[in-house]
C-alpha cells in the first residue's frame, strides 16, 4: 500500500469536521486538495470512507473504525516525530567553552573533531585562556562552561573531575637528572627552575608539591606558556616541571617525578545554573573522551 501521512491527516480532519471546507481550513489546504487526498486514500484502500450529502460528510462504518484507530496511531506518531525533531534541535547551535592551554591543545581537539563527526550542525567555540581568565569567563557567563585545574575557588562553581594529570620533569637529554628513570622531588633542590607563572592553574600546585617535599625552589624564569618554558630549557636556562598533557618536545628528556603528584582536571560551570541540553551533550562527551583516551601516559 502507498498511503501517505497527508492522506491520513486529511481523512481525520474530514471525519472530525464532517465537512470538506472546514477540514480544508483546519489543515490550511485548499478544498480540492483535501478532496483529492480522500479520493486517493479510498482508492488505495478499495473502500468508501464517507457518505456525502449536500449538507455534511458522514464516515461509513469502515470510516468510523479507521477514525478511531488512526486517531490513536497519529497521536503516537506525532509524539515520536516531535521527540526526534527536538533531539535534532538539541544538537544544533553553538557551545562556548573556556579551557586552559594544555587542555586546549590535548583534550579539546579530540572533542571538537568527535562532535564535528557526530553532530555536524553543532559549533564549539573554544576560548583558549589562562586559568584566571577561564574562571572569570565562567563566572561572568561569557562561556557555557570551562575546563580548569583544581580551582581554589571551587565553591563558586559546580565541578566534575574528569582526569588526573601527573607532573613530570623536563630537562635537556644530557642533564644529569635525565640519566634517572624516575626523579625524586628532592633532587630538584638547588636546580635552576623555569616555571609557569601564577596565571596558570598548575603553578600553585607545583609550589605546594615542592614545599611538601622540602625543596627550596630556585626559580630563574617564569613564563605564561609551557612551550616558552620548553624553549628556555632547550636554551640551557634551567629545567622545568610540567604536566604530562603539556606535551614536551621530543628534543627534551621527560622523566616521572616521584612520589607522583598530579593536578586535577575539572569541568566547571556556574553554581546553581543549569547547562543547556547542547552544553550538556559536549560536557558528557568530554567526560567520555577523558575516560577512553590514555592522555596522561608517559
C-alpha atoms as a PDB file:
ATOM      1  CA  UNK A   1       0.000   0.000   0.000  1.00  0.00           C
ATOM      2  CA  UNK A   2       1.109   3.516  -0.784  1.00  0.00           C
ATOM      3  CA  UNK A   3      -0.633   5.627   1.854  1.00  0.00           C
ATOM      4  CA  UNK A   4       0.798   8.964   2.944  1.00  0.00           C
ATOM      5  CA  UNK A   5       0.678  10.779   6.254  1.00  0.00           C
ATOM      6  CA  UNK A   6      -1.019  13.716   4.491  1.00  0.00           C
ATOM      7  CA  UNK A   7      -3.839  11.466   3.337  1.00  0.00           C
ATOM      8  CA  UNK A   8      -4.407  10.143   6.848  1.00  0.00           C
ATOM      9  CA  UNK A   9      -4.373  13.645   8.336  1.00  0.00           C
ATOM     10  CA  UNK A  10      -6.851  14.803   5.717  1.00  0.00           C
ATOM     11  CA  UNK A  11      -9.093  11.807   6.466  1.00  0.00           C
ATOM     12  CA  UNK A  12      -9.016  12.510  10.212  1.00  0.00           C
ATOM     13  CA  UNK A  13      -9.799  16.217   9.687  1.00  0.00           C
ATOM     14  CA  UNK A  14     -12.807  15.456   7.480  1.00  0.00           C
ATOM     15  CA  UNK A  15     -14.061  12.795   9.906  1.00  0.00           C
ATOM     16  CA  UNK A  16     -13.874  15.269  12.800  1.00  0.00           C
ATOM     17  CA  UNK A  17     -15.205  18.333  10.969  1.00  0.00           C
ATOM     18  CA  UNK A  18     -17.872  16.448   8.968  1.00  0.00           C
ATOM     19  CA  UNK A  19     -17.239  18.928   6.180  1.00  0.00           C
ATOM     20  CA  UNK A  20     -14.613  19.246   3.414  1.00  0.00           C
ATOM     21  CA  UNK A  21     -14.393  23.031   3.536  1.00  0.00           C
ATOM     22  CA  UNK A  22     -13.997  23.186   7.308  1.00  0.00           C
ATOM     23  CA  UNK A  23     -11.427  20.380   7.144  1.00  0.00           C
ATOM     24  CA  UNK A  24      -9.514  22.311   4.463  1.00  0.00           C
ATOM     25  CA  UNK A  25      -9.495  25.447   6.637  1.00  0.00           C
ATOM     26  CA  UNK A  26      -8.283  23.427   9.634  1.00  0.00           C
ATOM     27  CA  UNK A  27      -5.436  21.925   7.597  1.00  0.00           C
ATOM     28  CA  UNK A  28      -4.638  25.220   5.797  1.00  0.00           C
ATOM     29  CA  UNK A  29      -5.176  23.462   2.461  1.00  0.00           C
ATOM     30  CA  UNK A  30      -7.496  24.073  -0.448  1.00  0.00           C
ATOM     31  CA  UNK A  31     -10.765  22.126  -0.562  1.00  0.00           C
ATOM     32  CA  UNK A  32      -9.829  20.361  -3.840  1.00  0.00           C
ATOM     33  CA  UNK A  33      -6.552  19.222  -2.231  1.00  0.00           C
ATOM     34  CA  UNK A  34      -8.418  17.662   0.702  1.00  0.00           C
ATOM     35  CA  UNK A  35     -10.927  16.015  -1.648  1.00  0.00           C
ATOM     36  CA  UNK A  36      -8.026  14.605  -3.681  1.00  0.00           C
ATOM     37  CA  UNK A  37      -6.332  13.158  -0.585  1.00  0.00           C
ATOM     38  CA  UNK A  38      -9.568  11.413   0.453  1.00  0.00           C
ATOM     39  CA  UNK A  39     -10.207  10.070  -3.047  1.00  0.00           C
ATOM     40  CA  UNK A  40      -6.639   8.707  -3.243  1.00  0.00           C
ATOM     41  CA  UNK A  41      -6.954   7.090   0.207  1.00  0.00           C
ATOM     42  CA  UNK A  42     -10.266   5.437  -0.707  1.00  0.00           C
ATOM     43  CA  UNK A  43      -8.814   4.196  -3.983  1.00  0.00           C
ATOM     44  CA  UNK A  44      -5.721   2.770  -2.232  1.00  0.00           C
ATOM     45  CA  UNK A  45      -7.833   1.000   0.425  1.00  0.00           C
ATOM     46  CA  UNK A  46     -10.531  -0.058  -2.027  1.00  0.00           C
ATOM     47  CA  UNK A  47     -13.350   1.047   0.306  1.00  0.00           C
ATOM     48  CA  UNK A  48     -15.668   4.006   0.713  1.00  0.00           C
ATOM     49  CA  UNK A  49     -14.849   6.009   3.823  1.00  0.00           C
ATOM     50  CA  UNK A  50     -17.526   8.716   3.738  1.00  0.00           C
ATOM     51  CA  UNK A  51     -21.170   9.064   2.775  1.00  0.00           C
ATOM     52  CA  UNK A  52     -21.564  12.518   1.264  1.00  0.00           C
ATOM     53  CA  UNK A  53     -24.715  14.633   1.321  1.00  0.00           C
ATOM     54  CA  UNK A  54     -25.246  18.250   0.334  1.00  0.00           C
ATOM     55  CA  UNK A  55     -25.032  19.349   3.975  1.00  0.00           C
ATOM     56  CA  UNK A  56     -22.419  17.111   5.588  1.00  0.00           C
ATOM     57  CA  UNK A  57     -19.967  14.277   5.206  1.00  0.00           C
ATOM     58  CA  UNK A  58     -20.517  11.242   7.457  1.00  0.00           C
ATOM     59  CA  UNK A  59     -17.991   8.417   7.927  1.00  0.00           C
ATOM     60  CA  UNK A  60     -19.145   4.988   6.840  1.00  0.00           C
ATOM     61  CA  UNK A  61     -18.866   2.075   9.252  1.00  0.00           C
ATOM     62  CA  UNK A  62     -15.386   1.375   7.839  1.00  0.00           C
ATOM     63  CA  UNK A  63     -14.602   5.073   8.106  1.00  0.00           C
ATOM     64  CA  UNK A  64     -15.612   5.142  11.784  1.00  0.00           C
ATOM     65  CA  UNK A  65     -13.366   2.169  12.520  1.00  0.00           C
ATOM     66  CA  UNK A  66     -10.462   3.800  10.693  1.00  0.00           C
ATOM     67  CA  UNK A  67     -11.079   7.096  12.516  1.00  0.00           C
ATOM     68  CA  UNK A  68     -10.845   5.505  15.975  1.00  0.00           C
ATOM     69  CA  UNK A  69      -7.689   3.575  15.039  1.00  0.00           C
ATOM     70  CA  UNK A  70      -5.927   6.367  13.141  1.00  0.00           C
ATOM     71  CA  UNK A  71      -6.559   8.955  15.871  1.00  0.00           C
ATOM     72  CA  UNK A  72      -4.530   6.910  18.347  1.00  0.00           C
ATOM     73  CA  UNK A  73      -1.792   5.992  15.874  1.00  0.00           C
ATOM     74  CA  UNK A  74      -1.361   9.568  14.606  1.00  0.00           C
ATOM     75  CA  UNK A  75      -1.139  10.928  18.156  1.00  0.00           C
ATOM     76  CA  UNK A  76       1.640   8.429  18.883  1.00  0.00           C
ATOM     77  CA  UNK A  77       3.389   9.235  15.619  1.00  0.00           C
ATOM     78  CA  UNK A  78       3.209  12.990  16.285  1.00  0.00           C
ATOM     79  CA  UNK A  79       4.826  12.386  19.658  1.00  0.00           C
ATOM     80  CA  UNK A  80       7.621  10.313  18.131  1.00  0.00           C
ATOM     81  CA  UNK A  81       8.265  12.858  15.377  1.00  0.00           C
ATOM     82  CA  UNK A  82       8.199  15.712  17.901  1.00  0.00           C
ATOM     83  CA  UNK A  83      10.782  13.928  20.034  1.00  0.00           C
ATOM     84  CA  UNK A  84      13.021  13.288  17.022  1.00  0.00           C
ATOM     85  CA  UNK A  85      12.707  16.937  15.998  1.00  0.00           C
ATOM     86  CA  UNK A  86      13.621  18.156  19.488  1.00  0.00           C
ATOM     87  CA  UNK A  87      16.641  15.836  19.502  1.00  0.00           C
ATOM     88  CA  UNK A  88      17.718  17.371  16.194  1.00  0.00           C
ATOM     89  CA  UNK A  89      17.282  20.876  17.582  1.00  0.00           C
ATOM     90  CA  UNK A  90      19.218  19.890  20.689  1.00  0.00           C
ATOM     91  CA  UNK A  91      22.240  19.130  18.536  1.00  0.00           C
ATOM     92  CA  UNK A  92      22.135  22.320  16.515  1.00  0.00           C
ATOM     93  CA  UNK A  93      23.744  25.513  17.752  1.00  0.00           C
ATOM     94  CA  UNK A  94      26.873  26.833  19.465  1.00  0.00           C
ATOM     95  CA  UNK A  95      28.599  25.857  22.698  1.00  0.00           C
ATOM     96  CA  UNK A  96      31.267  28.169  24.136  1.00  0.00           C
ATOM     97  CA  UNK A  97      33.998  26.573  26.239  1.00  0.00           C
ATOM     98  CA  UNK A  98      36.898  28.228  28.087  1.00  0.00           C
ATOM     99  CA  UNK A  99      39.907  25.960  28.520  1.00  0.00           C
ATOM    100  CA  UNK A 100      43.396  26.219  29.951  1.00  0.00           C
ATOM    101  CA  UNK A 101      46.081  25.968  27.210  1.00  0.00           C
ATOM    102  CA  UNK A 102      47.310  22.425  27.910  1.00  0.00           C
ATOM    103  CA  UNK A 103      43.748  21.087  27.673  1.00  0.00           C
ATOM    104  CA  UNK A 104      43.032  23.287  24.649  1.00  0.00           C
ATOM    105  CA  UNK A 105      45.943  21.565  22.902  1.00  0.00           C
ATOM    106  CA  UNK A 106      45.253  17.988  24.042  1.00  0.00           C
ATOM    107  CA  UNK A 107      41.673  17.132  25.020  1.00  0.00           C
ATOM    108  CA  UNK A 108      39.741  19.838  23.159  1.00  0.00           C
ATOM    109  CA  UNK A 109      40.905  18.992  19.605  1.00  0.00           C
ATOM    110  CA  UNK A 110      39.691  15.419  20.174  1.00  0.00           C
ATOM    111  CA  UNK A 111      36.331  16.681  21.442  1.00  0.00           C
ATOM    112  CA  UNK A 112      35.820  19.213  18.643  1.00  0.00           C
ATOM    113  CA  UNK A 113      36.709  16.659  15.949  1.00  0.00           C
ATOM    114  CA  UNK A 114      34.495  13.995  17.544  1.00  0.00           C
ATOM    115  CA  UNK A 115      31.490  16.337  17.782  1.00  0.00           C
ATOM    116  CA  UNK A 116      32.044  17.562  14.208  1.00  0.00           C
ATOM    117  CA  UNK A 117      31.713  13.958  13.008  1.00  0.00           C
ATOM    118  CA  UNK A 118      28.635  13.080  15.063  1.00  0.00           C
ATOM    119  CA  UNK A 119      26.851  16.452  15.200  1.00  0.00           C
ATOM    120  CA  UNK A 120      27.793  18.444  12.066  1.00  0.00           C
ATOM    121  CA  UNK A 121      25.341  21.249  12.954  1.00  0.00           C
ATOM    122  CA  UNK A 122      26.970  21.795  16.354  1.00  0.00           C
ATOM    123  CA  UNK A 123      29.641  24.502  16.635  1.00  0.00           C
ATOM    124  CA  UNK A 124      32.113  24.514  19.523  1.00  0.00           C
ATOM    125  CA  UNK A 125      33.735  27.890  20.117  1.00  0.00           C
ATOM    126  CA  UNK A 126      36.932  27.439  22.129  1.00  0.00           C
ATOM    127  CA  UNK A 127      38.318  30.207  24.361  1.00  0.00           C
ATOM    128  CA  UNK A 128      41.969  29.230  24.918  1.00  0.00           C
ATOM    129  CA  UNK A 129      42.861  31.105  28.127  1.00  0.00           C
ATOM    130  CA  UNK A 130      44.995  31.120  31.236  1.00  0.00           C
ATOM    131  CA  UNK A 131      43.305  29.638  34.300  1.00  0.00           C
ATOM    132  CA  UNK A 132      42.444  33.006  35.847  1.00  0.00           C
ATOM    133  CA  UNK A 133      40.614  34.046  32.674  1.00  0.00           C
ATOM    134  CA  UNK A 134      38.849  30.681  32.404  1.00  0.00           C
ATOM    135  CA  UNK A 135      37.417  31.158  35.891  1.00  0.00           C
ATOM    136  CA  UNK A 136      36.393  34.756  35.126  1.00  0.00           C
ATOM    137  CA  UNK A 137      34.734  33.696  31.843  1.00  0.00           C
ATOM    138  CA  UNK A 138      32.674  31.023  33.592  1.00  0.00           C
ATOM    139  CA  UNK A 139      31.697  33.340  36.454  1.00  0.00           C
ATOM    140  CA  UNK A 140      30.671  36.094  34.047  1.00  0.00           C
ATOM    141  CA  UNK A 141      28.592  33.810  31.827  1.00  0.00           C
ATOM    142  CA  UNK A 142      30.751  34.520  28.777  1.00  0.00           C
ATOM    143  CA  UNK A 143      31.014  30.762  28.168  1.00  0.00           C
ATOM    144  CA  UNK A 144      28.729  27.788  28.796  1.00  0.00           C
ATOM    145  CA  UNK A 145      31.359  26.018  30.897  1.00  0.00           C
ATOM    146  CA  UNK A 146      35.091  25.732  31.411  1.00  0.00           C
ATOM    147  CA  UNK A 147      37.919  23.212  31.770  1.00  0.00           C
ATOM    148  CA  UNK A 148      40.130  24.219  34.670  1.00  0.00           C
ATOM    149  CA  UNK A 149      42.790  22.886  37.014  1.00  0.00           C
ATOM    150  CA  UNK A 150      41.546  22.224  40.545  1.00  0.00           C
ATOM    151  CA  UNK A 151      40.261  25.792  41.099  1.00  0.00           C
ATOM    152  CA  UNK A 152      40.961  27.093  44.617  1.00  0.00           C
ATOM    153  CA  UNK A 153      37.637  28.951  44.438  1.00  0.00           C
ATOM    154  CA  UNK A 154      35.755  25.699  43.753  1.00  0.00           C
ATOM    155  CA  UNK A 155      32.864  26.910  45.924  1.00  0.00           C
ATOM    156  CA  UNK A 156      31.937  29.361  43.160  1.00  0.00           C
ATOM    157  CA  UNK A 157      31.301  26.530  40.696  1.00  0.00           C
ATOM    158  CA  UNK A 158      29.682  23.174  40.145  1.00  0.00           C
ATOM    159  CA  UNK A 159      32.647  20.934  39.312  1.00  0.00           C
ATOM    160  CA  UNK A 160      33.240  17.443  37.963  1.00  0.00           C
ATOM    161  CA  UNK A 161      36.664  15.807  37.946  1.00  0.00           C
ATOM    162  CA  UNK A 162      37.382  14.121  34.612  1.00  0.00           C
ATOM    163  CA  UNK A 163      41.079  13.174  34.932  1.00  0.00           C
ATOM    164  CA  UNK A 164      44.285  13.462  36.938  1.00  0.00           C
ATOM    165  CA  UNK A 165      47.357  14.671  35.087  1.00  0.00           C
ATOM    166  CA  UNK A 166      50.741  13.876  36.733  1.00  0.00           C
ATOM    167  CA  UNK A 167      53.621  16.328  36.872  1.00  0.00           C
ATOM    168  CA  UNK A 168      56.918  15.408  35.261  1.00  0.00           C
ATOM    169  CA  UNK A 169      60.423  16.796  34.945  1.00  0.00           C
ATOM    170  CA  UNK A 170      61.589  18.130  31.569  1.00  0.00           C
ATOM    171  CA  UNK A 171      65.297  18.706  31.046  1.00  0.00           C
ATOM    172  CA  UNK A 172      67.953  18.540  28.312  1.00  0.00           C
ATOM    173  CA  UNK A 173      68.861  14.939  27.394  1.00  0.00           C
ATOM    174  CA  UNK A 174      72.450  15.454  28.602  1.00  0.00           C
ATOM    175  CA  UNK A 175      71.361  16.751  32.016  1.00  0.00           C
ATOM    176  CA  UNK A 176      72.449  14.521  34.951  1.00  0.00           C
ATOM    177  CA  UNK A 177      68.811  14.004  36.007  1.00  0.00           C
ATOM    178  CA  UNK A 178      67.991  12.632  32.531  1.00  0.00           C
ATOM    179  CA  UNK A 179      70.083   9.566  33.416  1.00  0.00           C
ATOM    180  CA  UNK A 180      67.498   8.571  36.042  1.00  0.00           C
ATOM    181  CA  UNK A 181      64.367   6.564  35.155  1.00  0.00           C
ATOM    182  CA  UNK A 182      62.400   8.457  37.776  1.00  0.00           C
ATOM    183  CA  UNK A 183      63.418  11.651  39.563  1.00  0.00           C
ATOM    184  CA  UNK A 184      62.675  12.183  43.275  1.00  0.00           C
ATOM    185  CA  UNK A 185      61.342  15.657  44.016  1.00  0.00           C
ATOM    186  CA  UNK A 186      64.229  16.212  46.455  1.00  0.00           C
ATOM    187  CA  UNK A 187      66.679  16.035  43.531  1.00  0.00           C
ATOM    188  CA  UNK A 188      65.315  19.415  42.395  1.00  0.00           C
ATOM    189  CA  UNK A 189      66.981  21.184  45.327  1.00  0.00           C
ATOM    190  CA  UNK A 190      69.334  23.928  44.018  1.00  0.00           C
ATOM    191  CA  UNK A 191      68.337  23.232  40.417  1.00  0.00           C
ATOM    192  CA  UNK A 192      67.531  26.325  38.274  1.00  0.00           C
ATOM    193  CA  UNK A 193      63.811  26.055  37.532  1.00  0.00           C
ATOM    194  CA  UNK A 194      61.814  27.601  34.700  1.00  0.00           C
ATOM    195  CA  UNK A 195      58.199  27.537  35.910  1.00  0.00           C
ATOM    196  CA  UNK A 196      54.808  28.712  34.740  1.00  0.00           C
ATOM    197  CA  UNK A 197      53.642  31.986  36.277  1.00  0.00           C
ATOM    198  CA  UNK A 198      50.666  32.349  38.628  1.00  0.00           C
ATOM    199  CA  UNK A 199      48.125  32.875  35.859  1.00  0.00           C
ATOM    200  CA  UNK A 200      48.395  29.101  35.398  1.00  0.00           C
ATOM    201  CA  UNK A 201      46.328  26.724  37.495  1.00  0.00           C
ATOM    202  CA  UNK A 202      49.349  24.405  37.725  1.00  0.00           C
ATOM    203  CA  UNK A 203      51.800  26.829  39.346  1.00  0.00           C
ATOM    204  CA  UNK A 204      50.068  26.839  42.734  1.00  0.00           C
ATOM    205  CA  UNK A 205      50.088  23.029  42.747  1.00  0.00           C
ATOM    206  CA  UNK A 206      53.765  22.864  41.729  1.00  0.00           C
ATOM    207  CA  UNK A 207      54.686  25.228  44.579  1.00  0.00           C
ATOM    208  CA  UNK A 208      52.706  23.072  47.027  1.00  0.00           C
ATOM    209  CA  UNK A 209      54.456  19.912  45.807  1.00  0.00           C
ATOM    210  CA  UNK A 210      57.913  21.488  46.094  1.00  0.00           C
ATOM    211  CA  UNK A 211      57.140  22.684  49.623  1.00  0.00           C
ATOM    212  CA  UNK A 212      55.659  19.300  50.575  1.00  0.00           C
ATOM    213  CA  UNK A 213      58.877  17.536  49.556  1.00  0.00           C
ATOM    214  CA  UNK A 214      61.143  20.059  51.239  1.00  0.00           C
ATOM    215  CA  UNK A 215      62.541  21.633  48.074  1.00  0.00           C
ATOM    216  CA  UNK A 216      63.718  25.237  48.155  1.00  0.00           C
ATOM    217  CA  UNK A 217      62.704  26.291  44.654  1.00  0.00           C
ATOM    218  CA  UNK A 218      65.336  28.267  42.761  1.00  0.00           C
ATOM    219  CA  UNK A 219      63.103  29.854  40.116  1.00  0.00           C
ATOM    220  CA  UNK A 220      65.184  31.599  37.438  1.00  0.00           C
ATOM    221  CA  UNK A 221      62.388  32.331  34.936  1.00  0.00           C
ATOM    222  CA  UNK A 222      58.580  32.397  34.932  1.00  0.00           C
ATOM    223  CA  UNK A 223      56.559  32.084  31.741  1.00  0.00           C
ATOM    224  CA  UNK A 224      52.943  32.313  30.705  1.00  0.00           C
ATOM    225  CA  UNK A 225      53.051  29.241  28.483  1.00  0.00           C
ATOM    226  CA  UNK A 226      54.627  25.787  28.717  1.00  0.00           C
ATOM    227  CA  UNK A 227      56.114  25.996  25.217  1.00  0.00           C
ATOM    228  CA  UNK A 228      58.030  29.125  26.214  1.00  0.00           C
ATOM    229  CA  UNK A 229      59.392  27.187  29.201  1.00  0.00           C
ATOM    230  CA  UNK A 230      60.451  24.354  26.886  1.00  0.00           C
ATOM    231  CA  UNK A 231      62.360  26.766  24.636  1.00  0.00           C
ATOM    232  CA  UNK A 232      64.166  28.149  27.677  1.00  0.00           C
ATOM    233  CA  UNK A 233      65.095  24.615  28.764  1.00  0.00           C
ATOM    234  CA  UNK A 234      66.413  23.909  25.277  1.00  0.00           C
ATOM    235  CA  UNK A 235      68.486  27.095  25.549  1.00  0.00           C
ATOM    236  CA  UNK A 236      70.109  25.786  28.744  1.00  0.00           C
ATOM    237  CA  UNK A 237      68.479  28.266  31.142  1.00  0.00           C
ATOM    238  CA  UNK A 238      67.207  25.586  33.536  1.00  0.00           C
ATOM    239  CA  UNK A 239      64.838  22.639  33.866  1.00  0.00           C
ATOM    240  CA  UNK A 240      61.071  22.696  34.233  1.00  0.00           C
ATOM    241  CA  UNK A 241      58.204  20.921  35.988  1.00  0.00           C
ATOM    242  CA  UNK A 242      55.172  20.498  33.794  1.00  0.00           C
ATOM    243  CA  UNK A 243      52.016  18.397  33.495  1.00  0.00           C
ATOM    244  CA  UNK A 244      52.288  15.424  31.152  1.00  0.00           C
ATOM    245  CA  UNK A 245      49.475  16.827  28.982  1.00  0.00           C
ATOM    246  CA  UNK A 246      51.674  19.819  28.091  1.00  0.00           C
ATOM    247  CA  UNK A 247      53.330  17.508  25.503  1.00  0.00           C
ATOM    248  CA  UNK A 248      57.039  18.337  25.903  1.00  0.00           C
ATOM    249  CA  UNK A 249      59.024  18.217  22.635  1.00  0.00           C
ATOM    250  CA  UNK A 250      60.989  15.102  21.695  1.00  0.00           C
ATOM    251  CA  UNK A 251      64.221  17.124  21.838  1.00  0.00           C
ATOM    252  CA  UNK A 252      63.966  17.148  25.656  1.00  0.00           C
ATOM    253  CA  UNK A 253      64.050  14.349  28.212  1.00  0.00           C
ATOM    254  CA  UNK A 254      60.845  13.701  30.179  1.00  0.00           C
ATOM    255  CA  UNK A 255      61.060  11.867  33.498  1.00  0.00           C
ATOM    256  CA  UNK A 256      58.338  10.988  36.045  1.00  0.00           C
ATOM    257  CA  UNK A 257      58.671  12.753  39.379  1.00  0.00           C
ATOM    258  CA  UNK A 258      58.370  10.555  42.483  1.00  0.00           C
ATOM    259  CA  UNK A 259      56.333  10.264  44.548  1.00  0.00           C
ATOM    260  CA  UNK A 260      53.699  11.119  41.952  1.00  0.00           C
ATOM    261  CA  UNK A 261      51.984  14.469  42.299  1.00  0.00           C
ATOM    262  CA  UNK A 262      49.228  15.437  39.919  1.00  0.00           C
ATOM    263  CA  UNK A 263      46.814  18.179  39.004  1.00  0.00           C
ATOM    264  CA  UNK A 264      43.060  17.535  38.870  1.00  0.00           C
ATOM    265  CA  UNK A 265      41.343  18.450  35.597  1.00  0.00           C
ATOM    266  CA  UNK A 266      37.770  19.604  36.137  1.00  0.00           C
ATOM    267  CA  UNK A 267      34.754  20.648  34.121  1.00  0.00           C
ATOM    268  CA  UNK A 268      33.192  23.683  35.792  1.00  0.00           C
ATOM    269  CA  UNK A 269      30.076  25.779  35.331  1.00  0.00           C
ATOM    270  CA  UNK A 270      28.367  28.486  37.357  1.00  0.00           C
ATOM    271  CA  UNK A 271      26.869  27.195  40.574  1.00  0.00           C
ATOM    272  CA  UNK A 272      23.073  26.798  40.524  1.00  0.00           C
ATOM    273  CA  UNK A 273      22.945  27.474  36.775  1.00  0.00           C
ATOM    274  CA  UNK A 274      21.811  24.524  34.672  1.00  0.00           C
ATOM    275  CA  UNK A 275      23.624  23.700  31.459  1.00  0.00           C
ATOM    276  CA  UNK A 276      21.662  23.862  28.221  1.00  0.00           C
ATOM    277  CA  UNK A 277      20.945  20.466  26.591  1.00  0.00           C
ATOM    278  CA  UNK A 278      23.565  21.269  23.940  1.00  0.00           C
ATOM    279  CA  UNK A 279      26.220  22.201  26.507  1.00  0.00           C
ATOM    280  CA  UNK A 280      25.375  19.053  28.491  1.00  0.00           C
ATOM    281  CA  UNK A 281      25.964  16.968  25.376  1.00  0.00           C
ATOM    282  CA  UNK A 282      29.505  18.385  24.967  1.00  0.00           C
ATOM    283  CA  UNK A 283      30.175  18.157  28.729  1.00  0.00           C
ATOM    284  CA  UNK A 284      29.303  14.432  28.634  1.00  0.00           C
ATOM    285  CA  UNK A 285      31.411  13.875  25.544  1.00  0.00           C
ATOM    286  CA  UNK A 286      34.451  15.438  27.264  1.00  0.00           C
ATOM    287  CA  UNK A 287      33.903  13.111  30.210  1.00  0.00           C
ATOM    288  CA  UNK A 288      33.795  10.101  27.879  1.00  0.00           C
ATOM    289  CA  UNK A 289      36.902  11.172  25.966  1.00  0.00           C
ATOM    290  CA  UNK A 290      38.904  11.710  29.144  1.00  0.00           C
ATOM    291  CA  UNK A 291      37.938   8.210  30.295  1.00  0.00           C
ATOM    292  CA  UNK A 292      38.526   6.442  26.990  1.00  0.00           C
ATOM    293  CA  UNK A 293      41.804   8.095  25.941  1.00  0.00           C
ATOM    294  CA  UNK A 294      45.082   7.473  27.761  1.00  0.00           C
ATOM    295  CA  UNK A 295      46.102  11.122  27.617  1.00  0.00           C
ATOM    296  CA  UNK A 296      48.158  11.096  30.777  1.00  0.00           C
ATOM    297  CA  UNK A 297      50.533   8.222  29.977  1.00  0.00           C
ATOM    298  CA  UNK A 298      54.276   8.903  29.742  1.00  0.00           C
END
